[in-house]
PDB file of N, CA and C in Angstrom:
ATOM      1  N   MET A   1       0.825  -1.195   0.000  1.00  0.00           N
ATOM      2  CA  MET A   1       0.000   0.000   0.000  1.00  0.00           C
ATOM      3  C   MET A   1       0.867   1.257   0.000  1.00  0.00           C
ATOM      4  N   GLY A   2       2.138   1.082   0.246  1.00  0.00           N
ATOM      5  CA  GLY A   2       3.035   2.229   0.222  1.00  0.00           C
ATOM      6  C   GLY A   2       3.060   2.926  -1.124  1.00  0.00           C
ATOM      7  N   ALA A   3       2.942   2.147  -2.201  1.00  0.00           N
ATOM      8  CA  ALA A   3       2.963   2.739  -3.547  1.00  0.00           C
ATOM      9  C   ALA A   3       1.774   3.676  -3.739  1.00  0.00           C
ATOM     10  N   ILE A   4       0.618   3.273  -3.248  1.00  0.00           N
ATOM     11  CA  ILE A   4      -0.578   4.121  -3.372  1.00  0.00           C
ATOM     12  C   ILE A   4      -0.439   5.346  -2.474  1.00  0.00           C
ATOM     13  N   ASP A   5       0.102   5.149  -1.281  1.00  0.00           N
ATOM     14  CA  ASP A   5       0.340   6.288  -0.385  1.00  0.00           C
ATOM     15  C   ASP A   5       1.277   7.308  -1.025  1.00  0.00           C
ATOM     16  N   ASP A   6       2.203   6.819  -1.852  1.00  0.00           N
ATOM     17  CA  ASP A   6       3.166   7.706  -2.514  1.00  0.00           C
ATOM     18  C   ASP A   6       2.611   8.351  -3.776  1.00  0.00           C
ATOM     19  N   GLY A   7       1.352   8.065  -4.103  1.00  0.00           N
ATOM     20  CA  GLY A   7       0.714   8.749  -5.222  1.00  0.00           C
ATOM     21  C   GLY A   7       0.417   7.896  -6.441  1.00  0.00           C
ATOM     22  N   MET A   8       0.781   6.637  -6.422  1.00  0.00           N
ATOM     23  CA  MET A   8       0.476   5.765  -7.559  1.00  0.00           C
ATOM     24  C   MET A   8      -1.029   5.510  -7.613  1.00  0.00           C
ATOM     25  N   GLY A   9      -1.567   5.446  -8.815  1.00  0.00           N
ATOM     26  CA  GLY A   9      -2.986   5.176  -8.983  1.00  0.00           C
ATOM     27  C   GLY A   9      -3.327   3.735  -8.636  1.00  0.00           C
ATOM     28  N   LYS A  10      -4.567   3.506  -8.238  1.00  0.00           N
ATOM     29  CA  LYS A  10      -4.992   2.152  -7.875  1.00  0.00           C
ATOM     30  C   LYS A  10      -4.901   1.197  -9.058  1.00  0.00           C
ATOM     31  N   THR A  11      -5.291   1.661 -10.238  1.00  0.00           N
ATOM     32  CA  THR A  11      -5.250   0.796 -11.419  1.00  0.00           C
ATOM     33  C   THR A  11      -3.817   0.418 -11.763  1.00  0.00           C
ATOM     34  N   GLU A  12      -2.928   1.407 -11.723  1.00  0.00           N
ATOM     35  CA  GLU A  12      -1.510   1.149 -12.009  1.00  0.00           C
ATOM     36  C   GLU A  12      -0.937   0.163 -10.993  1.00  0.00           C
ATOM     37  N   ALA A  13      -1.250   0.360  -9.733  1.00  0.00           N
ATOM     38  CA  ALA A  13      -0.755  -0.529  -8.684  1.00  0.00           C
ATOM     39  C   ALA A  13      -1.300  -1.944  -8.867  1.00  0.00           C
ATOM     40  N   SER A  14      -2.563  -2.058  -9.264  1.00  0.00           N
ATOM     41  CA  SER A  14      -3.154  -3.387  -9.440  1.00  0.00           C
ATOM     42  C   SER A  14      -2.449  -4.158 -10.551  1.00  0.00           C
ATOM     43  N   HIS A  15      -2.063  -3.472 -11.630  1.00  0.00           N
ATOM     44  CA  HIS A  15      -1.323  -4.135 -12.709  1.00  0.00           C
ATOM     45  C   HIS A  15       0.089  -4.491 -12.257  1.00  0.00           C
ATOM     46  N   LEU A  16       0.741  -3.570 -11.577  1.00  0.00           N
ATOM     47  CA  LEU A  16       2.119  -3.773 -11.149  1.00  0.00           C
ATOM     48  C   LEU A  16       2.245  -4.968 -10.204  1.00  0.00           C
ATOM     49  N   PHE A  17       1.322  -5.059  -9.237  1.00  0.00           N
ATOM     50  CA  PHE A  17       1.396  -6.113  -8.226  1.00  0.00           C
ATOM     51  C   PHE A  17       0.543  -7.326  -8.561  1.00  0.00           C
ATOM     52  N   LYS A  18      -0.122  -7.284  -9.735  1.00  0.00           N
ATOM     53  CA  LYS A  18      -0.944  -8.395 -10.219  1.00  0.00           C
ATOM     54  C   LYS A  18      -2.035  -8.786  -9.224  1.00  0.00           C
ATOM     55  N   ILE A  19      -2.724  -7.774  -8.724  1.00  0.00           N
ATOM     56  CA  ILE A  19      -3.894  -7.977  -7.871  1.00  0.00           C
ATOM     57  C   ILE A  19      -5.033  -7.140  -8.441  1.00  0.00           C
ATOM     58  N   SER A  20      -6.251  -7.439  -8.021  1.00  0.00           N
ATOM     59  CA  SER A  20      -7.394  -6.701  -8.568  1.00  0.00           C
ATOM     60  C   SER A  20      -7.576  -5.364  -7.861  1.00  0.00           C
ATOM     61  N   ARG A  21      -8.248  -4.452  -8.558  1.00  0.00           N
ATOM     62  CA  ARG A  21      -8.576  -3.155  -7.946  1.00  0.00           C
ATOM     63  C   ARG A  21      -9.442  -3.390  -6.718  1.00  0.00           C
ATOM     64  N   ASN A  22     -10.332  -4.371  -6.804  1.00  0.00           N
ATOM     65  CA  ASN A  22     -11.212  -4.669  -5.679  1.00  0.00           C
ATOM     66  C   ASN A  22     -10.400  -5.048  -4.440  1.00  0.00           C
ATOM     67  N   THR A  23      -9.351  -5.829  -4.626  1.00  0.00           N
ATOM     68  CA  THR A  23      -8.487  -6.214  -3.505  1.00  0.00           C
ATOM     69  C   THR A  23      -7.852  -4.984  -2.872  1.00  0.00           C
ATOM     70  N   ILE A  24      -7.385  -4.073  -3.704  1.00  0.00           N
ATOM     71  CA  ILE A  24      -6.791  -2.837  -3.185  1.00  0.00           C
ATOM     72  C   ILE A  24      -7.815  -2.056  -2.373  1.00  0.00           C
ATOM     73  N   ASP A  25      -9.040  -1.936  -2.905  1.00  0.00           N
ATOM     74  CA  ASP A  25     -10.090  -1.218  -2.175  1.00  0.00           C
ATOM     75  C   ASP A  25     -10.379  -1.879  -0.829  1.00  0.00           C
ATOM     76  N   LEU A  26     -10.405  -3.214  -0.805  1.00  0.00           N
ATOM     77  CA  LEU A  26     -10.651  -3.925   0.454  1.00  0.00           C
ATOM     78  C   LEU A  26      -9.531  -3.666   1.456  1.00  0.00           C
ATOM     79  N   TRP A  27      -8.279  -3.709   0.991  1.00  0.00           N
ATOM     80  CA  TRP A  27      -7.140  -3.449   1.879  1.00  0.00           C
ATOM     81  C   TRP A  27      -7.191  -2.039   2.441  1.00  0.00           C
ATOM     82  N   LEU A  28      -7.551  -1.083   1.590  1.00  0.00           N
ATOM     83  CA  LEU A  28      -7.616   0.307   2.049  1.00  0.00           C
ATOM     84  C   LEU A  28      -8.717   0.482   3.096  1.00  0.00           C
ATOM     85  N   LYS A  29      -9.847  -0.194   2.908  1.00  0.00           N
ATOM     86  CA  LYS A  29     -10.937  -0.106   3.892  1.00  0.00           C
ATOM     87  C   LYS A  29     -10.522  -0.722   5.222  1.00  0.00           C
ATOM     88  N   LYS A  30      -9.849  -1.880   5.163  1.00  0.00           N
ATOM     89  CA  LYS A  30      -9.427  -2.564   6.391  1.00  0.00           C
ATOM     90  C   LYS A  30      -8.403  -1.752   7.160  1.00  0.00           C
ATOM     91  N   ARG A  31      -7.573  -1.024   6.421  1.00  0.00           N
ATOM     92  CA  ARG A  31      -6.482  -0.281   7.050  1.00  0.00           C
ATOM     93  C   ARG A  31      -6.974   0.919   7.843  1.00  0.00           C
ATOM     94  N   LYS A  32      -8.125   1.453   7.475  1.00  0.00           N
ATOM     95  CA  LYS A  32      -8.619   2.664   8.149  1.00  0.00           C
ATOM     96  C   LYS A  32      -9.092   2.395   9.552  1.00  0.00           C
TER      97      LYS A  32
END
């Protein structure tokens, strides 16, 4: 999640780390 915190877009991060956008959204919700 550090990449997103540093300004990377969710879509770009999902491709880079080979995970779905939905997974990123779930992680961000859990982290709050």
